[in-house]
Amino acid sequence: MGSQHDHEASPAAHRNVVQIIADDLGLMLGCYGTAAVQTPSIDRLAAEGTRFTHAFASTASCSGSRSTIYTGLHTHQNGQYGLNHGRNHFQTHDHIETLPTVFAALGYQTGIIAKVHVGPHSVYPWEWHSPSDSRDVAANAAEAGRFFDRARETNRPFHLTIAYRDPHRDESRGGFGNDEADVAHIPVPPYMPEDVEIPEFLSDVPELRAELAEYYKAISRMDHGVGLVMRELEARGLDSNTLVLFLSDNGAPFVNSKTTLYDAGVRLPLIVRQPRALQPVGGGIVNPNMVSFLDILPTCIDWATSHGKGSGTPSSTITTPKSSTSPPRLGRSFLPILGSSTELGPDAWPPQHVFGSHTFHEIQNYWPTRFMRSRRYKYHRNVAWKLDFPFGSDLYGSLSWEGLRNNISGSSSSSSSIMLGRRRLTSYIHRGPEELFDLAADPHEVENLAGRNTHAALLAEMRAALEAWQYLTDDAWLVRDGASVVATARYQLEQRKGSMSGGSGLQLRDRFDFDARDPASAGSAGVAAGDLWRPAVRKEGSATEAVMGKMG
């Protein structure tokens, strides 16, 4: 289904894309303010391109986050609810349109190198499919060189994803692959525990310092790989017509970050380097505008079909075998704002908020939760809040967690005094149904304002906006407080849509309408039936987007 003109153009005229994804990186990079870690190659990308300060993943779990990047859809839309590998075996739905199918329709050679971590291959049919569990970034770069050569031989534009295994944990309790034989030839600085910077979402314990020193080595190895890939591009003259993106799938592999929808888990690096001829004002731009990882695929499509300033072919007009069955992508291209170093208003860059969705990490880590974030406020809706917040197995088995859980503060011997940065461990594990944070006063999301009268109006507004977004995206986790409903989510949605055109619709129960201790007495005198919950009806001429558009 490729376009003929793509093959007729010279290789120098092609509009290529290289997308580099780190594994469990978070924001620990030199260009993002962590001076203790050396990342010269990524810092160079930032100096030559645009570095976003407010880029957000939808979820903080590896497979799920990658699926959102490759589909432009939240995990509750695309079906990649949790990890893909091993016994977890979550997979993207067959009817979903993905990056390789869209770019194949544009005539592109598509490829992925190293960590794939989504499936099945029939849904993600990369033409050049080169999976690897190795941390050998030199081998990854050499494979990228072969991919580039093949694209030049066939005179086709390309989209290549290089997804490193670093700096993910290895199978040991405190390691990050630095002792693996295939990386012995990769140079990394000799970081020491006393040299590291403790992130504010964690507390300073010796075990954490030891792990961070090893983690930094894995980050520097990954950074070395980025430099090698850029060298392969430059050696072939392809850097002059290739859009390069660098990002991470989720936050750092420590408690209070990875698998959580707090900012430490989902506020991530995003660096975009255009060819020098197109890069606004020479690069080194620090862009403060809010973007979502669901915007990445629309941006790549925009780049591929435009001439550098945006406004390319709308992704909705590209026809693939899945176009009629896949949900519409709601992301927008950020190509037109790459040159912005100031915060744009709602007219220039709507909407002024992002959403996120998490359901599983590992298959035993069920904890569905959603979030909405504006510049100042963040709202979390914890669907199964009565469950303890689960630990990923690699985090639970880590040395840093052992040190943190035994770090009793002050003279107290109570576990309630254990802190994860500014957050009590008890608050991390036991969360309420809703959380609301004022990020200007509380950037680490510690002081929950959801129960305060002073913020009742804001809470109601953000709750309504998130619920409207859930309907807009066909979210199956529509129930609140973990209550069960008999009907399936699809039936609920169809009935709900019927109510918008005059039908009665289906009312969802906010909580059980019976007393579990005496279920036969439901609704009788003295036993109040549960309230029925129905979001505000969308009226003719008032789109759901308008409800969400009010948030600043």
Protein backbone atom coordinates (compact mmCIF):
# COMPACT_ATOMS: atom_id res chain seq x y z
CA MET A 1 0.00 0.00 0.00
CA GLY A 2 3.07 2.25 -0.23
CA SER A 3 2.99 5.50 -2.14
CA GLN A 4 4.74 5.37 -5.49
CA HIS A 5 6.34 8.78 -5.10
CA ASP A 6 8.23 7.52 -2.05
CA HIS A 7 10.19 5.18 -4.28
CA GLU A 8 10.74 7.81 -6.98
CA ALA A 9 12.32 10.34 -4.61
CA SER A 10 16.05 10.29 -3.97
CA PRO A 11 17.24 8.99 -0.57
CA ALA A 12 18.23 12.55 0.38
CA ALA A 13 14.61 13.67 -0.07
CA HIS A 14 13.10 11.00 2.15
CA ARG A 15 11.71 12.04 5.52
CA ASN A 16 12.99 9.37 7.89
CA VAL A 17 12.34 8.73 11.58
CA VAL A 18 14.58 7.17 14.24
CA GLN A 19 12.89 6.62 17.59
CA ILE A 20 15.13 5.64 20.52
CA ILE A 21 13.47 4.27 23.66
CA ALA A 22 15.27 3.73 26.96
CA ASP A 23 13.96 1.18 29.45
CA ASP A 24 13.04 2.44 32.96
CA LEU A 25 15.03 5.66 32.63
CA GLY A 26 12.92 8.39 34.15
CA LEU A 27 14.51 11.85 34.17
CA MET A 28 17.99 10.93 35.41
CA LEU A 29 19.97 12.58 32.61
CA GLY A 30 22.50 15.37 32.58
CA CYS A 31 20.33 17.59 30.39
CA TYR A 32 17.40 17.09 32.78
CA GLY A 33 19.39 18.22 35.79
CA THR A 34 21.06 15.10 37.22
CA ALA A 35 24.65 16.32 37.11
CA ALA A 36 26.06 13.17 38.71
CA VAL A 37 25.32 10.98 35.67
CA GLN A 38 27.26 11.40 32.42
CA THR A 39 25.08 11.38 29.29
CA PRO A 40 26.99 13.37 26.64
CA SER A 41 25.26 11.84 23.61
CA ILE A 42 21.74 12.52 24.86
CA ASP A 43 22.81 15.95 26.08
CA ARG A 44 24.05 16.65 22.55
CA LEU A 45 20.66 15.70 21.11
CA ALA A 46 19.05 18.15 23.52
CA ALA A 47 21.55 20.87 22.57
CA GLU A 48 20.77 20.35 18.88
CA GLY A 49 17.02 19.88 19.23
CA THR A 50 14.05 20.43 21.53
CA ARG A 51 13.83 19.12 25.09
CA PHE A 52 10.32 18.89 26.52
CA THR A 53 10.02 19.45 30.26
CA HIS A 54 6.39 18.34 30.55
CA ALA A 55 6.14 15.13 28.51
CA PHE A 56 3.94 12.40 29.98
CA ALA A 57 3.47 8.70 29.39
CA SER A 58 -0.03 7.32 29.81
CA THR A 59 1.18 4.48 32.02
CA ALA A 60 4.33 3.59 33.96
CA SER A 61 4.71 -0.01 32.84
CA CYS A 62 7.01 -1.22 30.05
CA SER A 63 4.73 -3.06 27.58
CA GLY A 64 1.76 -0.82 28.20
CA SER A 65 3.70 2.38 27.64
CA ARG A 66 5.33 1.09 24.46
CA SER A 67 1.94 0.08 23.11
CA THR A 68 0.65 3.62 23.58
CA ILE A 69 3.65 4.97 21.65
CA TYR A 70 3.10 2.48 18.82
CA THR A 71 -0.70 2.88 18.61
CA GLY A 72 -1.48 6.39 19.84
CA LEU A 73 -4.10 4.80 22.12
CA HIS A 74 -4.32 4.25 25.87
CA THR A 75 -3.91 0.67 27.08
CA HIS A 76 -7.61 0.38 27.98
CA GLN A 77 -8.26 1.09 24.28
CA ASN A 78 -5.61 -1.09 22.65
CA GLY A 79 -5.79 -4.09 24.99
CA GLN A 80 -2.12 -4.15 26.08
CA TYR A 81 -3.22 -3.96 29.72
CA GLY A 82 0.08 -5.21 31.16
CA LEU A 83 3.37 -6.91 30.38
CA ASN A 84 3.67 -8.95 27.21
CA HIS A 85 6.36 -11.46 28.09
CA GLY A 86 6.20 -14.84 29.82
CA ARG A 87 3.17 -15.80 31.87
CA ASN A 88 1.82 -12.25 31.78
CA HIS A 89 1.08 -12.54 28.06
CA PHE A 90 -1.02 -9.42 27.64
CA GLN A 91 -1.45 -8.63 23.96
CA THR A 92 -2.73 -5.78 21.84
CA HIS A 93 -6.15 -6.42 20.28
CA ASP A 94 -6.19 -7.78 16.73
CA HIS A 95 -8.30 -4.90 15.42
CA ILE A 96 -5.85 -2.15 16.45
CA GLU A 97 -3.94 -0.07 13.91
CA THR A 98 -0.25 0.28 14.78
CA LEU A 99 2.83 2.24 13.77
CA PRO A 100 4.24 -0.41 11.40
CA THR A 101 0.95 -0.76 9.52
CA VAL A 102 0.53 3.02 9.15
CA PHE A 103 4.07 3.59 7.94
CA ALA A 104 3.93 0.60 5.62
CA ALA A 105 0.90 2.26 4.04
CA LEU A 106 3.08 5.33 3.48
CA GLY A 107 5.68 3.24 1.66
CA TYR A 108 8.16 3.18 4.54
CA GLN A 109 10.61 0.48 5.54
CA THR A 110 9.75 -0.14 9.20
CA GLY A 111 11.93 -1.76 11.81
CA ILE A 112 12.53 -2.45 15.47
CA ILE A 113 15.82 -3.43 17.09
CA ALA A 114 16.41 -4.93 20.56
CA LYS A 115 13.49 -4.85 23.04
CA VAL A 116 10.07 -5.37 21.43
CA HIS A 117 7.91 -6.18 24.49
CA VAL A 118 4.54 -5.82 22.72
CA GLY A 119 2.60 -8.34 20.71
CA PRO A 120 1.51 -10.18 18.76
CA HIS A 121 3.77 -9.73 15.73
CA SER A 122 0.73 -9.93 13.44
CA VAL A 123 -0.53 -6.69 15.04
CA TYR A 124 2.93 -5.09 15.01
CA PRO A 125 4.28 -6.32 11.65
CA TRP A 126 7.62 -4.53 11.56
CA GLU A 127 9.33 -5.40 8.30
CA TRP A 128 12.78 -5.45 9.92
CA HIS A 129 12.15 -7.38 13.12
CA SER A 130 15.35 -7.80 15.12
CA PRO A 131 14.54 -8.60 18.77
CA SER A 132 17.39 -8.99 21.25
CA ASP A 133 17.77 -9.20 25.03
CA SER A 134 21.42 -8.14 24.85
CA ARG A 135 22.65 -4.90 26.40
CA ASP A 136 25.38 -4.69 23.76
CA VAL A 137 24.62 -1.23 22.41
CA ALA A 138 27.42 -1.52 19.85
CA ALA A 139 25.69 -4.55 18.33
CA ASN A 140 22.40 -2.60 18.32
CA ALA A 141 24.07 0.27 16.44
CA ALA A 142 25.62 -2.11 13.90
CA GLU A 143 22.19 -3.61 13.27
CA ALA A 144 20.82 -0.10 12.77
CA GLY A 145 23.54 0.50 10.19
CA ARG A 146 22.43 -2.58 8.26
CA PHE A 147 18.84 -1.34 8.41
CA PHE A 148 19.89 2.06 7.01
CA ASP A 149 21.84 0.39 4.21
CA ARG A 150 18.85 -1.72 3.21
CA ALA A 151 16.62 1.37 3.05
CA ARG A 152 19.14 3.12 0.81
CA GLU A 153 19.45 0.08 -1.46
CA THR A 154 15.69 -0.06 -1.94
CA ASN A 155 15.35 3.76 -2.08
CA ARG A 156 12.68 3.89 0.61
CA PRO A 157 12.12 6.20 3.55
CA PHE A 158 12.28 4.48 6.92
CA HIS A 159 10.95 4.50 10.46
CA LEU A 160 13.22 2.67 12.89
CA THR A 161 12.70 2.07 16.61
CA ILE A 162 15.75 1.18 18.69
CA ALA A 163 14.56 0.05 22.12
CA TYR A 164 17.40 -0.52 24.55
CA ARG A 165 17.28 -2.98 27.41
CA ASP A 166 19.21 -0.49 29.55
CA PRO A 167 18.88 0.80 32.18
CA HIS A 168 16.38 -1.88 33.29
CA ARG A 169 17.30 -4.08 36.24
CA ASP A 170 18.84 -7.48 35.63
CA GLU A 171 17.79 -10.70 37.40
CA SER A 172 19.90 -10.05 40.49
CA ARG A 173 18.79 -8.13 43.58
CA GLY A 174 20.75 -4.95 42.92
CA GLY A 175 22.24 -5.23 39.45
CA PHE A 176 21.70 -3.51 36.13
CA GLY A 177 23.54 -5.80 33.73
CA ASN A 178 26.99 -4.33 34.28
CA ASP A 179 28.58 -7.74 34.86
CA GLU A 180 27.13 -9.34 31.73
CA ALA A 181 29.82 -10.65 29.37
CA ASP A 182 28.50 -8.98 26.23
CA VAL A 183 28.94 -5.45 27.62
CA ALA A 184 32.50 -5.74 28.93
CA HIS A 185 33.78 -3.75 25.92
CA ILE A 186 31.38 -0.83 26.42
CA PRO A 187 33.06 2.04 28.31
CA VAL A 188 31.18 3.42 31.34
CA PRO A 189 32.34 5.79 34.09
CA PRO A 190 33.28 4.26 37.48
CA TYR A 191 30.39 5.64 39.53
CA MET A 192 30.60 5.25 43.30
CA PRO A 193 27.75 5.26 45.86
CA GLU A 194 28.99 8.47 47.45
CA ASP A 195 28.76 10.26 44.08
CA VAL A 196 25.08 9.69 43.29
CA GLU A 197 22.18 12.12 43.66
CA ILE A 198 19.20 10.84 45.65
CA PRO A 199 15.96 11.58 43.78
CA GLU A 200 13.36 13.40 45.84
CA PHE A 201 10.85 10.56 45.59
CA LEU A 202 13.20 8.26 47.58
CA SER A 203 14.98 8.33 50.93
CA ASP A 204 18.73 8.17 51.35
CA VAL A 205 19.78 4.67 52.44
CA PRO A 206 23.07 2.84 51.65
CA GLU A 207 21.34 0.14 49.61
CA LEU A 208 19.79 2.76 47.34
CA ARG A 209 23.13 4.50 46.83
CA ALA A 210 24.73 1.20 45.84
CA GLU A 211 21.96 0.52 43.32
CA LEU A 212 22.06 4.04 41.89
CA ALA A 213 25.79 3.72 41.19
CA GLU A 214 25.07 0.58 39.14
CA TYR A 215 22.02 2.22 37.55
CA TYR A 216 24.12 5.18 36.42
CA LYS A 217 26.50 2.80 34.65
CA ALA A 218 23.60 1.30 32.71
CA ILE A 219 22.39 4.81 31.82
CA SER A 220 25.83 5.80 30.55
CA ARG A 221 26.05 2.58 28.52
CA MET A 222 22.69 3.35 26.93
CA ASP A 223 23.88 6.90 26.25
CA HIS A 224 26.97 5.50 24.53
CA GLY A 225 24.64 3.50 22.32
CA VAL A 226 22.73 6.65 21.36
CA GLY A 227 26.01 8.18 20.22
CA LEU A 228 26.84 5.10 18.14
CA VAL A 229 23.46 5.20 16.39
CA MET A 230 23.90 8.88 15.58
CA ARG A 231 27.33 8.05 14.17
CA GLU A 232 25.75 5.44 11.88
CA LEU A 233 23.23 8.03 10.67
CA GLU A 234 25.85 10.72 10.13
CA ALA A 235 28.26 8.40 8.32
CA ARG A 236 25.58 7.86 5.66
CA GLY A 237 24.48 11.50 5.53
CA LEU A 238 21.06 10.51 6.85
CA ASP A 239 21.07 12.94 9.76
CA SER A 240 20.18 15.70 7.28
CA ASN A 241 16.71 14.27 6.60
CA THR A 242 15.88 12.21 9.71
CA LEU A 243 13.73 13.15 12.68
CA VAL A 244 15.28 11.69 15.84
CA LEU A 245 13.25 11.18 19.02
CA PHE A 246 14.61 10.05 22.37
CA LEU A 247 12.36 9.00 25.25
CA SER A 248 11.86 6.49 28.06
CA ASP A 249 8.97 4.09 28.49
CA ASN A 250 8.41 4.87 32.19
CA GLY A 251 10.02 6.13 35.35
CA ALA A 252 13.06 4.78 37.18
CA PRO A 253 12.91 1.16 38.50
CA PHE A 254 12.39 2.05 42.14
CA VAL A 255 9.36 2.17 44.42
CA ASN A 256 7.39 5.41 44.30
CA SER A 257 8.20 5.71 40.58
CA LYS A 258 7.83 2.79 38.17
CA THR A 259 4.26 1.34 38.01
CA THR A 260 2.79 4.46 39.67
CA LEU A 261 1.00 7.30 37.90
CA TYR A 262 2.67 9.87 40.12
CA ASP A 263 4.90 12.23 38.13
CA ALA A 264 7.99 10.20 39.09
CA GLY A 265 6.51 7.36 37.05
CA VAL A 266 5.04 9.17 34.04
CA ARG A 267 6.80 12.55 33.62
CA LEU A 268 9.60 11.52 31.31
CA PRO A 269 12.32 12.69 28.95
CA LEU A 270 11.32 13.58 25.40
CA ILE A 271 13.96 15.06 23.11
CA VAL A 272 13.24 15.73 19.44
CA ARG A 273 15.99 16.60 16.97
CA GLN A 274 15.06 17.80 13.51
CA PRO A 275 17.64 18.09 10.71
CA ARG A 276 19.72 21.24 11.19
CA ALA A 277 18.15 22.96 8.19
CA LEU A 278 14.72 22.70 9.82
CA GLN A 279 15.55 22.99 13.50
CA PRO A 280 14.24 26.33 14.81
CA VAL A 281 16.85 28.83 16.04
CA GLY A 282 19.64 26.29 16.01
CA GLY A 283 18.42 23.93 18.70
CA GLY A 284 18.88 23.85 22.44
CA ILE A 285 15.21 24.66 22.93
CA VAL A 286 13.62 23.91 26.30
CA ASN A 287 9.92 23.49 25.61
CA PRO A 288 7.60 23.83 28.64
CA ASN A 289 4.36 22.82 26.91
CA MET A 290 2.48 19.71 27.99
CA VAL A 291 2.60 16.79 25.57
CA SER A 292 1.49 13.18 25.84
CA PHE A 293 3.23 10.10 24.48
CA LEU A 294 -0.02 9.55 22.56
CA ASP A 295 1.11 12.57 20.51
CA ILE A 296 4.25 10.80 19.26
CA LEU A 297 2.69 8.69 16.50
CA PRO A 298 0.64 11.62 15.11
CA THR A 299 3.84 13.71 15.16
CA CYS A 300 5.80 11.09 13.23
CA ILE A 301 2.99 10.83 10.67
CA ASP A 302 2.94 14.62 10.36
CA TRP A 303 6.70 14.66 9.79
CA ALA A 304 6.50 11.92 7.17
CA THR A 305 3.80 13.65 5.15
CA SER A 306 4.68 17.35 5.53
CA HIS A 307 7.64 19.55 4.71
CA GLY A 308 8.97 20.29 8.15
CA LYS A 309 6.49 22.79 9.61
CA GLY A 310 3.66 20.41 10.39
CA SER A 311 0.21 20.24 8.77
CA GLY A 312 0.98 17.04 6.91
CA THR A 313 -1.55 14.39 5.93
CA PRO A 314 -4.04 13.80 8.79
CA SER A 315 -3.43 10.32 10.16
CA SER A 316 -7.15 9.61 9.91
CA THR A 317 -6.92 9.76 6.10
CA ILE A 318 -4.24 7.05 5.84
CA THR A 319 -5.87 3.77 4.92
CA THR A 320 -4.67 0.47 6.39
CA PRO A 321 -6.44 -2.88 6.84
CA LYS A 322 -7.26 -1.82 10.44
CA SER A 323 -8.44 1.74 9.74
CA SER A 324 -12.12 0.88 9.98
CA THR A 325 -11.84 -1.15 13.20
CA SER A 326 -9.29 0.76 15.29
CA PRO A 327 -10.45 3.60 17.59
CA PRO A 328 -9.56 7.11 16.45
CA ARG A 329 -6.30 8.50 17.78
CA LEU A 330 -6.86 11.58 19.94
CA GLY A 331 -3.23 12.74 20.02
CA ARG A 332 -2.00 15.77 18.12
CA SER A 333 1.25 16.52 16.31
CA PHE A 334 3.67 18.62 18.33
CA LEU A 335 5.78 19.31 15.24
CA PRO A 336 4.37 22.86 14.90
CA ILE A 337 5.45 23.81 18.45
CA LEU A 338 8.97 22.33 18.47
CA GLY A 339 10.41 25.83 18.30
CA SER A 340 8.48 27.12 21.29
CA SER A 341 10.41 27.97 24.45
CA THR A 342 7.43 29.63 26.12
CA GLU A 343 4.23 28.22 27.54
CA LEU A 344 1.50 28.50 24.91
CA GLY A 345 -2.08 29.35 25.78
CA PRO A 346 -5.14 27.17 25.14
CA ASP A 347 -5.82 28.80 21.77
CA ALA A 348 -2.35 27.94 20.45
CA TRP A 349 -1.96 24.54 22.12
CA PRO A 350 -5.21 22.91 23.24
CA PRO A 351 -5.95 21.05 25.41
CA GLN A 352 -3.92 22.14 28.41
CA HIS A 353 -3.97 18.76 30.14
CA VAL A 354 -3.05 15.09 29.68
CA PHE A 355 -4.66 11.81 30.73
CA GLY A 356 -3.22 8.49 31.83
CA SER A 357 -4.45 4.94 32.30
CA HIS A 358 -2.93 1.98 34.15
CA THR A 359 -4.50 -1.41 34.89
CA PHE A 360 -1.80 -4.10 35.27
CA HIS A 361 1.97 -4.37 35.40
CA GLU A 362 2.63 -8.06 35.93
CA ILE A 363 -0.48 -10.22 35.75
CA GLN A 364 -0.70 -10.40 39.55
CA ASN A 365 -0.32 -6.59 39.87
CA TYR A 366 -3.93 -5.59 39.26
CA TRP A 367 -4.55 -1.99 40.30
CA PRO A 368 -6.63 -0.03 37.76
CA THR A 369 -6.20 3.72 38.07
CA ARG A 370 -6.61 6.77 35.84
CA PHE A 371 -5.27 10.30 36.03
CA MET A 372 -5.81 13.76 34.62
CA ARG A 373 -3.11 16.40 34.90
CA SER A 374 -3.21 20.10 34.13
CA ARG A 375 -0.21 22.34 34.67
CA ARG A 376 -1.14 23.00 38.28
CA TYR A 377 -3.42 20.19 39.42
CA LYS A 378 -3.44 16.43 39.17
CA TYR A 379 -6.40 14.15 39.80
CA HIS A 380 -6.10 10.38 40.33
CA ARG A 381 -9.12 8.06 40.16
CA ASN A 382 -8.18 4.77 41.88
CA VAL A 383 -10.75 2.23 40.71
CA ALA A 384 -9.66 -0.65 42.98
CA TRP A 385 -8.54 1.51 45.88
CA LYS A 386 -9.53 -1.07 48.48
CA LEU A 387 -6.64 -3.23 47.28
CA ASP A 388 -3.13 -2.57 48.57
CA PHE A 389 -0.96 -0.97 45.91
CA PRO A 390 1.07 -3.87 44.43
CA PHE A 391 4.83 -4.18 43.98
CA GLY A 392 6.47 -5.32 40.76
CA SER A 393 8.56 -8.41 41.49
CA ASP A 394 11.85 -6.75 40.50
CA LEU A 395 11.15 -3.80 42.79
CA TYR A 396 10.03 -5.96 45.71
CA GLY A 397 13.17 -8.10 45.47
CA SER A 398 15.56 -5.16 45.19
CA LEU A 399 18.21 -4.20 47.72
CA SER A 400 16.96 -0.61 47.73
CA TRP A 401 13.48 -1.69 48.83
CA GLU A 402 15.01 -3.79 51.61
CA GLY A 403 16.92 -0.75 52.80
CA LEU A 404 13.92 1.56 52.56
CA ARG A 405 11.51 -0.76 54.35
CA ASN A 406 13.93 -1.11 57.28
CA ASN A 407 14.66 2.60 57.50
CA ILE A 408 12.71 3.51 60.65
CA SER A 409 12.81 7.29 61.10
CA GLY A 410 13.84 8.94 64.36
CA SER A 411 13.17 7.20 67.65
CA SER A 412 9.98 5.54 66.45
CA SER A 413 9.89 1.79 65.94
CA SER A 414 6.65 1.98 63.98
CA SER A 415 6.49 1.12 60.30
CA SER A 416 4.22 4.15 59.88
CA SER A 417 7.34 6.32 60.15
CA ILE A 418 8.98 4.78 57.08
CA MET A 419 9.27 7.37 54.33
CA LEU A 420 9.67 7.18 50.56
CA GLY A 421 11.04 10.64 50.02
CA ARG A 422 8.28 12.88 51.38
CA ARG A 423 5.58 10.18 51.21
CA ARG A 424 4.83 7.79 54.04
CA LEU A 425 5.08 4.15 53.05
CA THR A 426 1.61 3.56 54.48
CA SER A 427 0.20 6.26 52.16
CA TYR A 428 1.96 4.66 49.21
CA ILE A 429 0.40 1.25 49.83
CA HIS A 430 -3.05 2.37 51.07
CA ARG A 431 -4.67 4.97 48.82
CA GLY A 432 -8.14 6.41 48.74
CA PRO A 433 -10.59 6.34 45.82
CA GLU A 434 -9.53 9.82 44.71
CA GLU A 435 -6.38 11.89 45.01
CA LEU A 436 -6.06 15.57 44.16
CA PHE A 437 -2.79 17.46 44.30
CA ASP A 438 -1.79 21.10 43.89
CA LEU A 439 1.48 20.66 42.02
CA ALA A 440 2.54 24.27 42.52
CA ALA A 441 2.61 23.79 46.30
CA ASP A 442 3.16 20.02 46.35
CA PRO A 443 5.11 18.82 43.27
CA HIS A 444 5.71 15.38 44.78
CA GLU A 445 1.98 14.61 45.19
CA VAL A 446 1.96 13.99 48.93
CA GLU A 447 -0.84 16.13 50.39
CA ASN A 448 -4.18 14.79 49.14
CA LEU A 449 -6.75 17.59 48.82
CA ALA A 450 -9.62 15.37 47.65
CA GLY A 451 -11.46 15.50 50.97
CA ARG A 452 -11.15 19.22 51.59
CA ASN A 453 -14.09 21.57 51.20
CA THR A 454 -11.76 24.24 49.85
CA HIS A 455 -11.17 22.12 46.75
CA ALA A 456 -14.61 20.51 46.35
CA ALA A 457 -15.50 22.46 43.20
CA LEU A 458 -12.17 21.70 41.54
CA LEU A 459 -12.48 18.03 42.49
CA ALA A 460 -15.95 17.82 40.94
CA GLU A 461 -14.75 19.53 37.77
CA MET A 462 -11.74 17.25 37.29
CA ARG A 463 -13.81 14.17 38.17
CA ALA A 464 -16.38 15.10 35.51
CA ALA A 465 -13.67 15.76 32.93
CA LEU A 466 -12.00 12.41 33.59
CA GLU A 467 -15.32 10.55 33.42
CA ALA A 468 -16.13 12.28 30.12
CA TRP A 469 -12.73 11.14 28.81
CA GLN A 470 -13.46 7.59 29.97
CA TYR A 471 -16.63 7.55 27.87
CA LEU A 472 -14.85 9.15 24.94
CA THR A 473 -12.20 6.40 24.99
CA ASP A 474 -14.56 3.46 25.73
CA ASP A 475 -12.89 2.73 29.06
CA ALA A 476 -14.14 -0.61 30.40
CA TRP A 477 -13.20 0.45 33.96
CA LEU A 478 -16.13 2.81 34.31
CA VAL A 479 -17.25 1.58 37.71
CA ARG A 480 -16.18 3.46 40.80
CA ASP A 481 -14.99 2.21 44.17
CA GLY A 482 -14.35 -1.25 42.76
CA ALA A 483 -18.05 -2.16 42.71
CA SER A 484 -19.11 -4.90 40.32
CA VAL A 485 -21.68 -4.34 37.60
CA VAL A 486 -23.48 -7.13 35.79
CA ALA A 487 -23.44 -5.66 32.29
CA THR A 488 -20.32 -5.62 30.15
CA ALA A 489 -18.58 -2.34 29.53
CA ARG A 490 -19.46 -2.42 25.84
CA TYR A 491 -23.15 -2.79 26.66
CA GLN A 492 -22.86 0.03 29.15
CA LEU A 493 -21.34 2.25 26.51
CA GLU A 494 -23.94 1.42 23.88
CA GLN A 495 -26.74 2.07 26.34
CA ARG A 496 -25.04 5.27 27.40
CA LYS A 497 -24.84 6.42 23.79
CA GLY A 498 -28.52 5.60 23.45
CA SER A 499 -29.28 7.86 26.39
CA MET A 500 -27.65 10.76 24.59
CA SER A 501 -30.27 10.52 21.86
CA GLY A 502 -33.21 10.13 24.21
CA GLY A 503 -32.87 6.53 25.43
CA SER A 504 -32.99 5.70 29.10
CA GLY A 505 -29.43 4.43 29.24
CA LEU A 506 -27.93 2.21 31.93
CA GLN A 507 -27.22 3.56 35.38
CA LEU A 508 -23.95 2.37 36.89
CA ARG A 509 -23.81 1.64 40.58
CA ASP A 510 -21.40 3.76 42.53
CA ARG A 511 -21.42 1.11 45.27
CA PHE A 512 -23.38 -2.04 46.08
CA ASP A 513 -27.11 -1.42 46.47
CA PHE A 514 -27.32 -3.98 49.27
CA ASP A 515 -25.78 -4.59 52.65
CA ALA A 516 -23.43 -7.56 52.24
CA ARG A 517 -24.18 -8.60 55.83
CA ASP A 518 -27.92 -8.67 55.12
CA PRO A 519 -28.44 -8.63 51.34
CA ALA A 520 -32.14 -9.52 51.49
CA SER A 521 -32.84 -6.23 53.23
CA ALA A 522 -31.62 -4.08 50.35
CA GLY A 523 -33.75 -0.99 50.03
CA SER A 524 -35.79 -1.71 53.15
CA ALA A 525 -36.32 0.81 55.91
CA GLY A 526 -33.12 1.70 57.69
CA VAL A 527 -30.85 0.26 54.98
CA ALA A 528 -30.07 2.80 52.31
CA ALA A 529 -29.64 1.49 48.80
CA GLY A 530 -26.45 2.55 47.06
CA ASP A 531 -26.51 5.74 45.08
CA LEU A 532 -26.71 5.38 41.35
CA TRP A 533 -24.02 7.17 39.42
CA ARG A 534 -24.46 8.63 35.99
CA PRO A 535 -22.08 11.25 34.55
CA ALA A 536 -23.63 14.41 33.15
CA VAL A 537 -25.54 13.71 29.95
CA ARG A 538 -23.85 15.01 26.85
CA LYS A 539 -26.36 17.28 25.13
CA GLU A 540 -26.70 17.93 21.42
CA GLY A 541 -24.09 20.45 20.32
CA SER A 542 -22.02 20.05 23.46
CA ALA A 543 -19.16 17.65 22.78
CA THR A 544 -17.43 15.68 25.50
CA GLU A 545 -14.26 17.49 24.53
CA ALA A 546 -15.88 20.73 25.69
CA VAL A 547 -16.22 19.31 29.19
CA MET A 548 -12.54 18.47 29.24
CA GLY A 549 -11.51 21.67 27.49
CA LYS A 550 -12.44 23.75 30.53
CA MET A 551 -9.45 22.49 32.47
CA GLY A 552 -6.37 24.72 32.57
